[in-house]
Amino acid sequence: MLLGAVAARGRVLAGLRRDGEENSTAELQARVAVRQAVRDAWAEGIEHTVQLSVLAEAGLADDAALAAAGWELVLLAAIDRSQGWGRLQEGRRHVTTVGPGAGCWPVPGSGGYTNHR
């Protein structure tokens, strides 16, 4: 249920960003909603990497989108290092750790995954 809320709110925010609604009232409200869902998931012990996978599948996969969802870039870098991913180039996408593409990078717009960075 908590991950479902993270995914649903993430899709709303991703859609607004895709439609060029950055910095609008609707986008601000969507940011707040995603951040609350992420906080609720953290409070229940859902791992950061699982949440990142859900957000990536919802369309929030790069640093700017994840920052809009409330993720600190320093935290993202720490998660990358702890998982052995290292620090990737700007505009990178975060690896998924659950589901059919576990251990692979989401390919934007394809619904698929690759194990190539």
C-alpha atoms as a PDB file:
ATOM      1  CA  MET A   1       0.000   0.000   0.000  1.00  0.00           C
ATOM      2  CA  LEU A   2       2.766   2.482   0.913  1.00  0.00           C
ATOM      3  CA  LEU A   3       4.764   1.692  -2.220  1.00  0.00           C
ATOM      4  CA  GLY A   4       1.567   2.025  -4.230  1.00  0.00           C
ATOM      5  CA  ALA A   5       1.165   5.557  -2.886  1.00  0.00           C
ATOM      6  CA  VAL A   6       4.801   6.358  -3.696  1.00  0.00           C
ATOM      7  CA  ALA A   7       4.299   5.047  -7.250  1.00  0.00           C
ATOM      8  CA  ALA A   8       0.976   6.811  -7.837  1.00  0.00           C
ATOM      9  CA  ARG A   9       2.192  10.155  -6.532  1.00  0.00           C
ATOM     10  CA  GLY A  10       5.460   9.722  -8.416  1.00  0.00           C
ATOM     11  CA  ARG A  11       3.561   9.191 -11.688  1.00  0.00           C
ATOM     12  CA  VAL A  12       1.596  12.398 -11.109  1.00  0.00           C
ATOM     13  CA  LEU A  13       4.772  14.389 -10.497  1.00  0.00           C
ATOM     14  CA  ALA A  14       6.544  12.796 -13.474  1.00  0.00           C
ATOM     15  CA  GLY A  15       3.589  13.635 -15.714  1.00  0.00           C
ATOM     16  CA  LEU A  16       3.562  17.262 -14.631  1.00  0.00           C
ATOM     17  CA  ARG A  17       7.325  17.562 -15.197  1.00  0.00           C
ATOM     18  CA  ARG A  18       6.987  15.928 -18.618  1.00  0.00           C
ATOM     19  CA  ASP A  19       4.205  18.361 -19.532  1.00  0.00           C
ATOM     20  CA  GLY A  20       6.390  21.358 -18.666  1.00  0.00           C
ATOM     21  CA  GLU A  21       4.549  22.209 -15.466  1.00  0.00           C
ATOM     22  CA  GLU A  22       7.717  22.666 -13.407  1.00  0.00           C
ATOM     23  CA  ASN A  23       7.344  25.310 -10.697  1.00  0.00           C
ATOM     24  CA  SER A  24       3.570  25.456 -11.127  1.00  0.00           C
ATOM     25  CA  THR A  25       1.181  25.209  -8.193  1.00  0.00           C
ATOM     26  CA  ALA A  26       0.133  21.742  -9.352  1.00  0.00           C
ATOM     27  CA  GLU A  27       3.753  20.593  -9.508  1.00  0.00           C
ATOM     28  CA  LEU A  28       4.446  21.996  -6.040  1.00  0.00           C
ATOM     29  CA  GLN A  29       1.435  20.119  -4.665  1.00  0.00           C
ATOM     30  CA  ALA A  30       2.622  16.938  -6.392  1.00  0.00           C
ATOM     31  CA  ARG A  31       6.115  17.379  -4.901  1.00  0.00           C
ATOM     32  CA  VAL A  32       4.637  17.674  -1.414  1.00  0.00           C
ATOM     33  CA  ALA A  33       2.467  14.585  -1.986  1.00  0.00           C
ATOM     34  CA  VAL A  34       5.415  12.467  -3.192  1.00  0.00           C
ATOM     35  CA  ARG A  35       7.604  13.632  -0.323  1.00  0.00           C
ATOM     36  CA  GLN A  36       4.908  12.679   2.191  1.00  0.00           C
ATOM     37  CA  ALA A  37       4.500   9.243   0.620  1.00  0.00           C
ATOM     38  CA  VAL A  38       8.288   8.725   0.686  1.00  0.00           C
ATOM     39  CA  ARG A  39       8.439   9.814   4.349  1.00  0.00           C
ATOM     40  CA  ASP A  40       5.624   7.415   5.233  1.00  0.00           C
ATOM     41  CA  ALA A  41       7.451   4.578   3.466  1.00  0.00           C
ATOM     42  CA  TRP A  42      10.715   5.427   5.277  1.00  0.00           C
ATOM     43  CA  ALA A  43       8.873   5.457   8.600  1.00  0.00           C
ATOM     44  CA  GLU A  44       7.676   1.908   7.921  1.00  0.00           C
ATOM     45  CA  GLY A  45      11.192   0.728   7.069  1.00  0.00           C
ATOM     46  CA  ILE A  46      10.916   0.433   3.290  1.00  0.00           C
ATOM     47  CA  GLU A  47      14.483   0.562   1.975  1.00  0.00           C
ATOM     48  CA  HIS A  48      15.736   3.517  -0.018  1.00  0.00           C
ATOM     49  CA  THR A  49      16.712   1.344  -2.985  1.00  0.00           C
ATOM     50  CA  VAL A  50      13.220  -0.139  -3.176  1.00  0.00           C
ATOM     51  CA  GLN A  51      11.689   3.337  -3.145  1.00  0.00           C
ATOM     52  CA  LEU A  52      14.105   4.508  -5.849  1.00  0.00           C
ATOM     53  CA  SER A  53      13.073   1.568  -8.015  1.00  0.00           C
ATOM     54  CA  VAL A  54       9.411   2.451  -7.610  1.00  0.00           C
ATOM     55  CA  LEU A  55      10.066   6.108  -8.413  1.00  0.00           C
ATOM     56  CA  ALA A  56      12.176   5.180 -11.465  1.00  0.00           C
ATOM     57  CA  GLU A  57       9.360   3.032 -12.812  1.00  0.00           C
ATOM     58  CA  ALA A  58       6.983   5.950 -12.165  1.00  0.00           C
ATOM     59  CA  GLY A  59       9.160   8.194 -14.357  1.00  0.00           C
ATOM     60  CA  LEU A  60      11.300   9.929 -11.721  1.00  0.00           C
ATOM     61  CA  ALA A  61      14.701   8.439 -12.434  1.00  0.00           C
ATOM     62  CA  ASP A  62      17.254  11.225 -12.881  1.00  0.00           C
ATOM     63  CA  ASP A  63      18.780  13.457 -10.210  1.00  0.00           C
ATOM     64  CA  ALA A  64      16.564  16.475 -10.959  1.00  0.00           C
ATOM     65  CA  ALA A  65      13.359  14.445 -10.823  1.00  0.00           C
ATOM     66  CA  LEU A  66      14.419  12.663  -7.651  1.00  0.00           C
ATOM     67  CA  ALA A  67      15.371  15.993  -6.065  1.00  0.00           C
ATOM     68  CA  ALA A  68      11.866  17.236  -6.893  1.00  0.00           C
ATOM     69  CA  ALA A  69      10.563  14.173  -5.049  1.00  0.00           C
ATOM     70  CA  GLY A  70      12.560  15.182  -1.977  1.00  0.00           C
ATOM     71  CA  TRP A  71      15.739  13.139  -2.368  1.00  0.00           C
ATOM     72  CA  GLU A  72      18.986  14.872  -1.447  1.00  0.00           C
ATOM     73  CA  LEU A  73      21.753  14.432  -4.026  1.00  0.00           C
ATOM     74  CA  VAL A  74      24.212  13.545  -1.261  1.00  0.00           C
ATOM     75  CA  LEU A  75      21.910  10.745  -0.114  1.00  0.00           C
ATOM     76  CA  LEU A  76      21.581   9.458  -3.691  1.00  0.00           C
ATOM     77  CA  ALA A  77      25.368   9.412  -4.051  1.00  0.00           C
ATOM     78  CA  ALA A  78      25.698   7.534  -0.744  1.00  0.00           C
ATOM     79  CA  ILE A  79      23.130   4.961  -1.850  1.00  0.00           C
ATOM     80  CA  ASP A  80      24.957   4.536  -5.169  1.00  0.00           C
ATOM     81  CA  ARG A  81      28.246   3.934  -3.349  1.00  0.00           C
ATOM     82  CA  SER A  82      26.729   1.560  -0.791  1.00  0.00           C
ATOM     83  CA  GLN A  83      25.283  -0.563  -3.579  1.00  0.00           C
ATOM     84  CA  GLY A  84      28.597  -0.637  -5.435  1.00  0.00           C
ATOM     85  CA  TRP A  85      27.212   1.425  -8.297  1.00  0.00           C
ATOM     86  CA  GLY A  86      29.728   4.243  -7.926  1.00  0.00           C
ATOM     87  CA  ARG A  87      28.960   7.767  -8.994  1.00  0.00           C
ATOM     88  CA  LEU A  88      27.687   7.955 -12.558  1.00  0.00           C
ATOM     89  CA  GLN A  89      27.557  10.768 -15.055  1.00  0.00           C
ATOM     90  CA  GLU A  90      25.080  13.625 -14.766  1.00  0.00           C
ATOM     91  CA  GLY A  91      21.657  12.624 -16.019  1.00  0.00           C
ATOM     92  CA  ARG A  92      22.149   9.055 -14.866  1.00  0.00           C
ATOM     93  CA  ARG A  93      19.291   6.777 -14.027  1.00  0.00           C
ATOM     94  CA  HIS A  94      19.094   4.823 -10.810  1.00  0.00           C
ATOM     95  CA  VAL A  95      19.211   1.044 -10.890  1.00  0.00           C
ATOM     96  CA  THR A  96      16.200  -0.999  -9.906  1.00  0.00           C
ATOM     97  CA  THR A  97      16.551  -3.657  -7.229  1.00  0.00           C
ATOM     98  CA  VAL A  98      13.126  -5.254  -7.421  1.00  0.00           C
ATOM     99  CA  GLY A  99      10.872  -6.646 -10.116  1.00  0.00           C
ATOM    100  CA  PRO A 100      11.608  -8.093 -13.532  1.00  0.00           C
ATOM    101  CA  GLY A 101      14.529  -5.763 -14.196  1.00  0.00           C
ATOM    102  CA  ALA A 102      16.318  -6.285 -10.868  1.00  0.00           C
ATOM    103  CA  GLY A 103      19.932  -5.183 -11.091  1.00  0.00           C
ATOM    104  CA  CYS A 104      19.387  -3.418 -14.388  1.00  0.00           C
ATOM    105  CA  TRP A 105      18.936   0.178 -15.450  1.00  0.00           C
ATOM    106  CA  PRO A 106      15.476   1.330 -16.611  1.00  0.00           C
ATOM    107  CA  VAL A 107      15.421   2.368 -20.256  1.00  0.00           C
ATOM    108  CA  PRO A 108      13.380   5.593 -20.501  1.00  0.00           C
ATOM    109  CA  GLY A 109      10.226   5.307 -22.549  1.00  0.00           C
ATOM    110  CA  SER A 110      10.639   1.609 -23.311  1.00  0.00           C
ATOM    111  CA  GLY A 111       9.307   0.018 -20.163  1.00  0.00           C
ATOM    112  CA  GLY A 112      12.361  -2.246 -20.320  1.00  0.00           C
ATOM    113  CA  TYR A 113      15.706  -2.579 -18.635  1.00  0.00           C
ATOM    114  CA  THR A 114      19.316  -2.969 -19.632  1.00  0.00           C
ATOM    115  CA  ASN A 115      22.384  -4.098 -17.750  1.00  0.00           C
ATOM    116  CA  HIS A 116      24.489  -1.546 -19.666  1.00  0.00           C
ATOM    117  CA  ARG A 117      25.020   1.927 -18.228  1.00  0.00           C
END
